[in-house]
PDB file of all heavy atoms in Angstrom:
ATOM      1  N   THR A   1     104.960  76.599  97.400  1.00  0.00           N
ATOM      2  CA  THR A   1     105.089  75.198  96.986  1.00  0.00           C
ATOM      3  C   THR A   1     103.905  74.324  97.354  1.00  0.00           C
ATOM      4  O   THR A   1     103.720  73.254  96.776  1.00  0.00           O
ATOM      5  CB  THR A   1     106.355  74.580  97.595  1.00  0.00           C
ATOM      6  OG1 THR A   1     106.240  74.576  99.028  1.00  0.00           O
ATOM      7  CG2 THR A   1     107.594  75.374  97.188  1.00  0.00           C
ATOM      8  N   GLY A   2     103.094  74.744  98.336  1.00  0.00           N
ATOM      9  CA  GLY A   2     101.995  73.897  98.782  1.00  0.00           C
ATOM     10  C   GLY A   2     102.520  72.694  99.554  1.00  0.00           C
ATOM     11  O   GLY A   2     103.598  72.729 100.156  1.00  0.00           O
ATOM     12  N   GLY A   3     101.742  71.594  99.531  1.00  0.00           N
ATOM     13  CA  GLY A   3     102.169  70.392 100.224  1.00  0.00           C
ATOM     14  C   GLY A   3     102.065  70.479 101.729  1.00  0.00           C
ATOM     15  O   GLY A   3     102.713  69.721 102.452  1.00  0.00           O
ATOM     16  N   SER A   4     101.237  71.408 102.235  1.00  0.00           N
ATOM     17  CA  SER A   4     101.107  71.618 103.673  1.00  0.00           C
ATOM     18  C   SER A   4      99.839  70.957 104.203  1.00  0.00           C
ATOM     19  O   SER A   4      98.808  70.939 103.536  1.00  0.00           O
ATOM     20  CB  SER A   4     101.063  73.120 103.961  1.00  0.00           C
ATOM     21  OG  SER A   4     100.665  73.371 105.300  1.00  0.00           O
ATOM     22  N   LYS A   5      99.905  70.426 105.419  1.00  0.00           N
ATOM     23  CA  LYS A   5      98.712  69.898 106.064  1.00  0.00           C
ATOM     24  C   LYS A   5      97.838  71.023 106.608  1.00  0.00           C
ATOM     25  O   LYS A   5      96.645  70.832 106.838  1.00  0.00           O
ATOM     26  CB  LYS A   5      99.106  68.949 107.198  1.00  0.00           C
ATOM     27  CG  LYS A   5      99.787  67.675 106.728  1.00  0.00           C
ATOM     28  CD  LYS A   5     100.132  66.768 107.896  1.00  0.00           C
ATOM     29  CE  LYS A   5     100.810  65.492 107.414  1.00  0.00           C
ATOM     30  NZ  LYS A   5     101.171  64.592 108.551  1.00  0.00           N
ATOM     31  N   ALA A   6      98.439  72.199 106.817  1.00  0.00           N
ATOM     32  CA  ALA A   6      97.694  73.326 107.387  1.00  0.00           C
ATOM     33  C   ALA A   6      96.840  74.036 106.347  1.00  0.00           C
ATOM     34  O   ALA A   6      95.777  74.572 106.676  1.00  0.00           O
ATOM     35  CB  ALA A   6      98.666  74.309 108.028  1.00  0.00           C
ATOM     36  N   LEU A   7      97.306  74.064 105.095  1.00  0.00           N
ATOM     37  CA  LEU A   7      96.616  74.769 104.017  1.00  0.00           C
ATOM     38  C   LEU A   7      96.561  73.864 102.790  1.00  0.00           C
ATOM     39  O   LEU A   7      97.527  73.144 102.507  1.00  0.00           O
ATOM     40  CB  LEU A   7      97.350  76.064 103.651  1.00  0.00           C
ATOM     41  CG  LEU A   7      97.459  77.135 104.740  1.00  0.00           C
ATOM     42  CD1 LEU A   7      98.492  78.185 104.337  1.00  0.00           C
ATOM     43  CD2 LEU A   7      96.108  77.779 104.995  1.00  0.00           C
ATOM     44  N   THR A   8      95.476  73.915 102.055  1.00  0.00           N
ATOM     45  CA  THR A   8      95.412  73.155 100.811  1.00  0.00           C
ATOM     46  C   THR A   8      96.292  73.832  99.761  1.00  0.00           C
ATOM     47  O   THR A   8      96.640  75.013  99.882  1.00  0.00           O
ATOM     48  CB  THR A   8      93.976  73.069 100.288  1.00  0.00           C
ATOM     49  OG1 THR A   8      93.558  74.372  99.848  1.00  0.00           O
ATOM     50  CG2 THR A   8      93.014  72.564 101.358  1.00  0.00           C
ATOM     51  N   ASP A   9      96.615  73.111  98.720  1.00  0.00           N
ATOM     52  CA  ASP A   9      97.417  73.695  97.647  1.00  0.00           C
ATOM     53  C   ASP A   9      96.687  74.864  96.997  1.00  0.00           C
ATOM     54  O   ASP A   9      97.312  75.868  96.624  1.00  0.00           O
ATOM     55  CB  ASP A   9      97.751  72.633  96.592  1.00  0.00           C
ATOM     56  CG  ASP A   9      98.788  71.625  97.086  1.00  0.00           C
ATOM     57  OD1 ASP A   9      99.303  71.800  98.216  1.00  0.00           O
ATOM     58  OD2 ASP A   9      99.075  70.671  96.346  1.00  0.00           O
ATOM     59  N   ASP A  10      95.372  74.754  96.841  1.00  0.00           N
ATOM     60  CA  ASP A  10      94.602  75.852  96.257  1.00  0.00           C
ATOM     61  C   ASP A  10      94.636  77.090  97.149  1.00  0.00           C
ATOM     62  O   ASP A  10      94.708  78.222  96.642  1.00  0.00           O
ATOM     63  CB  ASP A  10      93.150  75.429  96.023  1.00  0.00           C
ATOM     64  CG  ASP A  10      92.989  74.529  94.807  1.00  0.00           C
ATOM     65  OD1 ASP A  10      93.929  74.463  93.988  1.00  0.00           O
ATOM     66  OD2 ASP A  10      91.932  73.887  94.686  1.00  0.00           O
ATOM     67  N   GLU A  11      94.586  76.898  98.450  1.00  0.00           N
ATOM     68  CA  GLU A  11      94.659  78.030  99.381  1.00  0.00           C
ATOM     69  C   GLU A  11      96.024  78.702  99.301  1.00  0.00           C
ATOM     70  O   GLU A  11      96.117  79.938  99.273  1.00  0.00           O
ATOM     71  CB  GLU A  11      94.357  77.550 100.798  1.00  0.00           C
ATOM     72  CG  GLU A  11      92.897  77.192 101.000  1.00  0.00           C
ATOM     73  CD  GLU A  11      92.635  76.411 102.276  1.00  0.00           C
ATOM     74  OE1 GLU A  11      93.606  75.969 102.943  1.00  0.00           O
ATOM     75  OE2 GLU A  11      91.441  76.216 102.609  1.00  0.00           O
ATOM     76  N   CYS A  12      97.071  77.889  99.264  1.00  0.00           N
ATOM     77  CA  CYS A  12      98.420  78.456  99.122  1.00  0.00           C
ATOM     78  C   CYS A  12      98.528  79.245  97.825  1.00  0.00           C
ATOM     79  O   CYS A  12      99.055  80.368  97.813  1.00  0.00           O
ATOM     80  CB  CYS A  12      99.461  77.339  99.132  1.00  0.00           C
ATOM     81  SG  CYS A  12      99.696  76.536 100.730  1.00  0.00           S
ATOM     82  N   ARG A  13      98.031  78.675  96.748  1.00  0.00           N
ATOM     83  CA  ARG A  13      98.120  79.323  95.436  1.00  0.00           C
ATOM     84  C   ARG A  13      97.356  80.644  95.419  1.00  0.00           C
ATOM     85  O   ARG A  13      97.812  81.628  94.828  1.00  0.00           O
ATOM     86  CB  ARG A  13      97.583  78.371  94.369  1.00  0.00           C
ATOM     87  CG  ARG A  13      97.861  78.825  92.931  1.00  0.00           C
ATOM     88  CD  ARG A  13      97.387  77.781  91.934  1.00  0.00           C
ATOM     89  NE  ARG A  13      98.023  76.489  92.165  1.00  0.00           N
ATOM     90  CZ  ARG A  13      97.398  75.410  92.628  1.00  0.00           C
ATOM     91  NH1 ARG A  13      96.107  75.450  92.900  1.00  0.00           N
ATOM     92  NH2 ARG A  13      98.064  74.285  92.805  1.00  0.00           N
ATOM     93  N   PHE A  14      96.195  80.681  96.069  1.00  0.00           N
ATOM     94  CA  PHE A  14      95.383  81.895  96.119  1.00  0.00           C
ATOM     95  C   PHE A  14      96.157  83.041  96.779  1.00  0.00           C
ATOM     96  O   PHE A  14      96.231  84.154  96.248  1.00  0.00           O
ATOM     97  CB  PHE A  14      94.092  81.612  96.900  1.00  0.00           C
ATOM     98  CG  PHE A  14      93.180  82.803  97.050  1.00  0.00           C
ATOM     99  CD1 PHE A  14      92.313  83.165  96.034  1.00  0.00           C
ATOM    100  CD2 PHE A  14      93.177  83.543  98.224  1.00  0.00           C
ATOM    101  CE1 PHE A  14      91.463  84.256  96.174  1.00  0.00           C
ATOM    102  CE2 PHE A  14      92.336  84.643  98.381  1.00  0.00           C
ATOM    103  CZ  PHE A  14      91.480  84.996  97.346  1.00  0.00           C
ATOM    104  N   VAL A  15      96.766  82.755  97.930  1.00  0.00           N
ATOM    105  CA  VAL A  15      97.523  83.798  98.641  1.00  0.00           C
ATOM    106  C   VAL A  15      98.770  84.186  97.847  1.00  0.00           C
ATOM    107  O   VAL A  15      99.078  85.383  97.695  1.00  0.00           O
ATOM    108  CB  VAL A  15      97.916  83.315 100.052  1.00  0.00           C
ATOM    109  CG1 VAL A  15      98.699  84.412 100.785  1.00  0.00           C
ATOM    110  CG2 VAL A  15      96.683  82.923 100.863  1.00  0.00           C
ATOM    111  N   TRP A  16      99.472  83.198  97.325  1.00  0.00           N
ATOM    112  CA  TRP A  16     100.725  83.459  96.605  1.00  0.00           C
ATOM    113  C   TRP A  16     100.482  84.298  95.354  1.00  0.00           C
ATOM    114  O   TRP A  16     101.255  85.214  95.046  1.00  0.00           O
ATOM    115  CB  TRP A  16     101.399  82.152  96.263  1.00  0.00           C
ATOM    116  CG  TRP A  16     102.817  82.270  95.799  1.00  0.00           C
ATOM    117  CD1 TRP A  16     103.325  81.954  94.579  1.00  0.00           C
ATOM    118  CD2 TRP A  16     103.936  82.737  96.577  1.00  0.00           C
ATOM    119  NE1 TRP A  16     104.682  82.179  94.542  1.00  0.00           N
ATOM    120  CE2 TRP A  16     105.086  82.661  95.750  1.00  0.00           C
ATOM    121  CE3 TRP A  16     104.065  83.196  97.884  1.00  0.00           C
ATOM    122  CZ2 TRP A  16     106.347  83.040  96.193  1.00  0.00           C
ATOM    123  CZ3 TRP A  16     105.327  83.575  98.331  1.00  0.00           C
ATOM    124  CH2 TRP A  16     106.447  83.504  97.487  1.00  0.00           C
ATOM    125  N   ASP A  17      99.418  83.985  94.637  1.00  0.00           N
ATOM    126  CA  ASP A  17      99.104  84.758  93.434  1.00  0.00           C
ATOM    127  C   ASP A  17      98.849  86.223  93.784  1.00  0.00           C
ATOM    128  O   ASP A  17      99.301  87.125  93.054  1.00  0.00           O
ATOM    129  CB  ASP A  17      97.880  84.171  92.727  1.00  0.00           C
ATOM    130  CG  ASP A  17      98.192  82.872  91.986  1.00  0.00           C
ATOM    131  OD1 ASP A  17      99.381  82.543  91.852  1.00  0.00           O
ATOM    132  OD2 ASP A  17      97.233  82.188  91.564  1.00  0.00           O
ATOM    133  N   LEU A  18      98.151  86.476  94.876  1.00  0.00           N
ATOM    134  CA  LEU A  18      97.909  87.864  95.289  1.00  0.00           C
ATOM    135  C   LEU A  18      99.225  88.562  95.641  1.00  0.00           C
ATOM    136  O   LEU A  18      99.404  89.746  95.341  1.00  0.00           O
ATOM    137  CB  LEU A  18      96.963  87.908  96.489  1.00  0.00           C
ATOM    138  CG  LEU A  18      95.509  87.519  96.211  1.00  0.00           C
ATOM    139  CD1 LEU A  18      94.708  87.517  97.513  1.00  0.00           C
ATOM    140  CD2 LEU A  18      94.863  88.462  95.198  1.00  0.00           C
ATOM    141  N   MET A  19     100.145  87.851  96.244  1.00  0.00           N
ATOM    142  CA  MET A  19     101.439  88.442  96.599  1.00  0.00           C
ATOM    143  C   MET A  19     102.269  88.789  95.364  1.00  0.00           C
ATOM    144  O   MET A  19     103.230  89.560  95.457  1.00  0.00           O
ATOM    145  CB  MET A  19     102.207  87.511  97.525  1.00  0.00           C
ATOM    146  CG  MET A  19     101.590  87.397  98.913  1.00  0.00           C
ATOM    147  SD  MET A  19     102.350  86.109  99.944  1.00  0.00           S
ATOM    148  CE  MET A  19     104.030  86.719 100.087  1.00  0.00           C
ATOM    149  N   GLY A  20     101.902  88.232  94.224  1.00  0.00           N
ATOM    150  CA  GLY A  20     102.556  88.591  92.973  1.00  0.00           C
ATOM    151  C   GLY A  20     101.910  89.762  92.274  1.00  0.00           C
ATOM    152  O   GLY A  20     102.345  90.164  91.185  1.00  0.00           O
ATOM    153  N   GLN A  21     100.860  90.336  92.880  1.00  0.00           N
ATOM    154  CA  GLN A  21     100.122  91.441  92.279  1.00  0.00           C
ATOM    155  C   GLN A  21     100.166  92.711  93.135  1.00  0.00           C
ATOM    156  O   GLN A  21      99.348  93.614  92.959  1.00  0.00           O
ATOM    157  CB  GLN A  21      98.655  91.019  92.081  1.00  0.00           C
ATOM    158  CG  GLN A  21      98.476  89.808  91.189  1.00  0.00           C
ATOM    159  CD  GLN A  21      97.050  89.316  91.172  1.00  0.00           C
ATOM    160  OE1 GLN A  21      96.097  90.090  91.110  1.00  0.00           O
ATOM    161  NE2 GLN A  21      96.874  88.001  91.248  1.00  0.00           N
ATOM    162  N   VAL A  22     101.103  92.799  94.057  1.00  0.00           N
ATOM    163  CA  VAL A  22     101.216  93.972  94.925  1.00  0.00           C
ATOM    164  C   VAL A  22     101.466  95.226  94.094  1.00  0.00           C
ATOM    165  O   VAL A  22     102.282  95.208  93.164  1.00  0.00           O
ATOM    166  CB  VAL A  22     102.344  93.764  95.956  1.00  0.00           C
ATOM    167  CG1 VAL A  22     102.636  95.055  96.732  1.00  0.00           C
ATOM    168  CG2 VAL A  22     101.976  92.635  96.919  1.00  0.00           C
ATOM    169  N   GLN A  23     100.766  96.305  94.424  1.00  0.00           N
ATOM    170  CA  GLN A  23     100.892  97.527  93.630  1.00  0.00           C
ATOM    171  C   GLN A  23     102.333  98.036  93.662  1.00  0.00           C
ATOM    172  O   GLN A  23     103.070  97.855  94.626  1.00  0.00           O
ATOM    173  CB  GLN A  23      99.927  98.597  94.136  1.00  0.00           C
ATOM    174  CG  GLN A  23     100.174  99.092  95.540  1.00  0.00           C
ATOM    175  CD  GLN A  23      99.063 100.034  95.992  1.00  0.00           C
ATOM    176  OE1 GLN A  23      97.892  99.725  95.923  1.00  0.00           O
ATOM    177  NE2 GLN A  23      99.468 101.212  96.472  1.00  0.00           N
ATOM    178  N   ASP A  24     102.720  98.693  92.578  1.00  0.00           N
ATOM    179  CA  ASP A  24     104.122  98.992  92.321  1.00  0.00           C
ATOM    180  C   ASP A  24     104.802  99.779  93.436  1.00  0.00           C
ATOM    181  O   ASP A  24     105.974  99.558  93.739  1.00  0.00           O
ATOM    182  CB  ASP A  24     104.268  99.756  91.000  1.00  0.00           C
ATOM    183  CG  ASP A  24     104.060  98.861  89.788  1.00  0.00           C
ATOM    184  OD1 ASP A  24     104.075  97.621  89.959  1.00  0.00           O
ATOM    185  OD2 ASP A  24     103.856  99.389  88.687  1.00  0.00           O
ATOM    186  N   ASP A  25     104.091 100.740  94.054  1.00  0.00           N
ATOM    187  CA  ASP A  25     104.765 101.565  95.059  1.00  0.00           C
ATOM    188  C   ASP A  25     104.948 100.834  96.383  1.00  0.00           C
ATOM    189  O   ASP A  25     105.505 101.396  97.327  1.00  0.00           O
ATOM    190  CB  ASP A  25     104.036 102.898  95.267  1.00  0.00           C
ATOM    191  CG  ASP A  25     102.680 102.741  95.937  1.00  0.00           C
ATOM    192  OD1 ASP A  25     102.135 101.624  95.941  1.00  0.00           O
ATOM    193  OD2 ASP A  25     102.152 103.759  96.438  1.00  0.00           O
ATOM    194  N   GLN A  26     104.512  99.561  96.454  1.00  0.00           N
ATOM    195  CA  GLN A  26     104.737  98.759  97.656  1.00  0.00           C
ATOM    196  C   GLN A  26     105.636  97.553  97.373  1.00  0.00           C
ATOM    197  O   GLN A  26     105.658  96.603  98.134  1.00  0.00           O
ATOM    198  CB  GLN A  26     103.397  98.304  98.240  1.00  0.00           C
ATOM    199  CG  GLN A  26     102.574  99.448  98.802  1.00  0.00           C
ATOM    200  CD  GLN A  26     101.253  98.991  99.409  1.00  0.00           C
ATOM    201  OE1 GLN A  26     101.066  97.817  99.722  1.00  0.00           O
ATOM    202  NE2 GLN A  26     100.330  99.915  99.586  1.00  0.00           N
ATOM    203  N   THR A  27     106.395  97.626  96.293  1.00  0.00           N
ATOM    204  CA  THR A  27     107.290  96.506  95.964  1.00  0.00           C
ATOM    205  C   THR A  27     108.744  96.820  96.301  1.00  0.00           C
ATOM    206  O   THR A  27     109.666  96.299  95.684  1.00  0.00           O
ATOM    207  CB  THR A  27     107.167  96.112  94.478  1.00  0.00           C
ATOM    208  OG1 THR A  27     107.452  97.234  93.655  1.00  0.00           O
ATOM    209  CG2 THR A  27     105.780  95.584  94.165  1.00  0.00           C
ATOM    210  N   TRP A  28     108.949  97.689  97.293  1.00  0.00           N
ATOM    211  CA  TRP A  28     110.307  97.911  97.770  1.00  0.00           C
ATOM    212  C   TRP A  28     110.729  96.716  98.642  1.00  0.00           C
ATOM    213  O   TRP A  28     110.010  95.749  98.795  1.00  0.00           O
ATOM    214  CB  TRP A  28     110.393  99.229  98.551  1.00  0.00           C
ATOM    215  CG  TRP A  28     109.228  99.521  99.450  1.00  0.00           C
ATOM    216  CD1 TRP A  28     108.103 100.234  99.145  1.00  0.00           C
ATOM    217  CD2 TRP A  28     109.055  99.097 100.810  1.00  0.00           C
ATOM    218  NE1 TRP A  28     107.242 100.281 100.218  1.00  0.00           N
ATOM    219  CE2 TRP A  28     107.808  99.600 101.261  1.00  0.00           C
ATOM    220  CE3 TRP A  28     109.823  98.359 101.701  1.00  0.00           C
ATOM    221  CZ2 TRP A  28     107.314  99.380 102.556  1.00  0.00           C
ATOM    222  CZ3 TRP A  28     109.347  98.129 103.004  1.00  0.00           C
ATOM    223  CH2 TRP A  28     108.119  98.633 103.407  1.00  0.00           C
TER     224      TRP A  28
END
């Protein structure tokens, strides 16, 4: 969701987008 003082919204989005691309055999 972003909105954090610790991380910018772009930083949150960068990490979150990568977490949506985890290779299939690690999506258990």
